[in-house]
Amino acid sequence: MSSVGLIGFGRFGKIMGNILSPDFTVKVFDCDINECSEDNIEVASLESVSAETTIFISVPIRQFKNVIMEISDLVQPGTTILDVCSVKVYPATVMTETLPENIGIITTHPLFGPD
């Protein structure tokens, strides 16, 4: 794996991108950005990001279900999707009920504080 997908490039998404970019090309989709000048981070379409075999979801909880519903038909069998929400039951339920059974899910709760 040489690249990963990242949906959401807000405060935490940017930190994730910076953590991942030394080892991977990070394809980012965020409806609020059109370009990124950081090394190994490229802005891409939702379809392109959804084609990655590992996708991190870093969006506000109020947008989470809509994002999962939008990508559920775009992701490929065997894809792993990781969320970084601070709550776990809701994202796990949404992903389990919405994504195809052949998609792996990992719910995470990364430590996040002052940048």
Protein backbone atom coordinates (compact mmCIF):
# COMPACT_ATOMS: atom_id res chain seq x y z
CA MET A 1 0.00 0.00 0.00
CA SER A 2 1.53 3.27 -1.09
CA SER A 3 -1.46 5.56 -0.63
CA VAL A 4 -4.40 6.05 1.72
CA GLY A 5 -7.61 8.03 1.59
CA LEU A 6 -8.68 10.73 4.01
CA ILE A 7 -12.15 12.24 4.00
CA GLY A 8 -12.20 15.48 5.95
CA PHE A 9 -9.29 17.89 6.15
CA GLY A 10 -10.19 20.06 9.10
CA ARG A 11 -8.06 20.49 12.18
CA PHE A 12 -7.73 16.79 12.99
CA GLY A 13 -7.67 15.71 9.33
CA LYS A 14 -4.63 17.91 8.75
CA ILE A 15 -2.85 16.32 11.69
CA MET A 16 -3.70 12.85 10.33
CA GLY A 17 -2.42 13.87 6.92
CA ASN A 18 0.85 15.07 8.39
CA ILE A 19 1.27 11.87 10.41
CA LEU A 20 0.59 9.64 7.39
CA SER A 21 2.33 11.62 4.64
CA PRO A 22 5.93 10.60 5.43
CA ASP A 23 5.01 6.98 4.66
CA PHE A 24 2.08 7.26 2.21
CA THR A 25 0.63 9.47 -0.45
CA VAL A 26 -2.49 10.82 1.23
CA LYS A 27 -5.45 11.44 -1.08
CA VAL A 28 -7.74 13.94 0.60
CA PHE A 29 -11.34 14.81 -0.11
CA ASP A 30 -12.91 17.78 1.65
CA CYS A 31 -15.65 19.87 0.06
CA ASP A 32 -14.04 23.01 1.50
CA ILE A 33 -10.58 22.66 -0.10
CA ASN A 34 -9.37 22.60 -3.69
CA GLU A 35 -5.62 22.38 -3.23
CA CYS A 36 -2.93 21.49 -0.75
CA SER A 37 0.75 22.38 -0.92
CA GLU A 38 1.95 19.83 1.64
CA ASP A 39 4.28 17.03 0.50
CA ASN A 40 2.59 13.70 -0.26
CA ILE A 41 -0.89 15.14 0.32
CA GLU A 42 -3.05 15.60 -2.75
CA VAL A 43 -6.61 16.83 -3.03
CA ALA A 44 -8.72 14.28 -4.89
CA SER A 45 -12.33 13.57 -5.78
CA LEU A 46 -14.53 11.58 -3.46
CA GLU A 47 -14.52 8.77 -6.02
CA SER A 48 -10.72 8.68 -6.08
CA VAL A 49 -10.42 8.68 -2.29
CA SER A 50 -13.11 6.00 -2.04
CA ALA A 51 -11.08 3.75 -4.35
CA GLU A 52 -8.27 3.49 -1.76
CA THR A 53 -8.02 0.26 0.24
CA THR A 54 -7.61 2.20 3.52
CA ILE A 55 -9.78 5.23 4.20
CA PHE A 56 -9.80 7.46 7.27
CA ILE A 57 -13.02 9.36 7.99
CA SER A 58 -12.32 12.63 9.81
CA VAL A 59 -15.52 14.63 9.60
CA PRO A 60 -17.76 16.22 12.25
CA ILE A 61 -20.16 13.69 13.80
CA ARG A 62 -23.14 15.54 12.31
CA GLN A 63 -21.79 14.75 8.81
CA PHE A 64 -20.65 11.20 9.54
CA LYS A 65 -23.76 9.26 8.46
CA ASN A 66 -24.12 11.24 5.21
CA VAL A 67 -20.47 10.59 4.31
CA ILE A 68 -20.78 6.86 5.00
CA MET A 69 -23.99 6.68 2.95
CA GLU A 70 -22.30 8.57 0.10
CA ILE A 71 -19.26 6.29 -0.07
CA SER A 72 -21.06 2.99 0.58
CA ASP A 73 -21.53 2.34 -3.16
CA LEU A 74 -18.07 3.65 -4.07
CA VAL A 75 -15.78 1.57 -1.83
CA GLN A 76 -14.24 -1.64 -3.14
CA PRO A 77 -14.53 -5.07 -1.49
CA GLY A 78 -11.78 -5.52 1.09
CA THR A 79 -11.50 -1.82 1.91
CA THR A 80 -10.85 -0.88 5.53
CA ILE A 81 -12.53 2.24 6.86
CA LEU A 82 -11.38 3.90 10.08
CA ASP A 83 -13.26 6.62 11.89
CA VAL A 84 -11.72 9.06 14.33
CA CYS A 85 -14.89 10.16 16.11
CA SER A 86 -14.75 10.70 19.86
CA VAL A 87 -17.87 8.55 20.29
CA LYS A 88 -17.92 4.89 19.25
CA VAL A 89 -21.38 3.32 19.32
CA TYR A 90 -22.94 5.68 16.77
CA PRO A 91 -20.15 5.45 14.14
CA ALA A 92 -19.89 1.66 14.56
CA THR A 93 -23.66 1.29 14.15
CA VAL A 94 -23.76 3.56 11.09
CA MET A 95 -20.88 1.73 9.39
CA THR A 96 -22.20 -1.74 10.24
CA GLU A 97 -25.70 -0.93 9.01
CA THR A 98 -24.67 1.06 5.91
CA LEU A 99 -21.48 -0.41 4.45
CA PRO A 100 -21.34 -3.71 2.57
CA GLU A 101 -20.35 -6.74 4.66
CA ASN A 102 -17.06 -7.10 2.77
CA ILE A 103 -15.79 -3.77 4.14
CA GLY A 104 -13.66 -3.78 7.27
CA ILE A 105 -14.34 -1.17 9.91
CA ILE A 106 -12.13 0.08 12.72
CA THR A 107 -13.49 2.58 15.19
CA THR A 108 -10.70 4.56 16.83
CA HIS A 109 -10.47 7.23 19.47
CA PRO A 110 -7.12 8.93 18.93
CA LEU A 111 -5.81 11.16 21.65
CA PHE A 112 -6.29 14.70 20.45
CA GLY A 113 -5.53 17.91 22.21
CA PRO A 114 -3.56 21.00 21.59
CA ASP A 115 -1.85 20.67 18.25
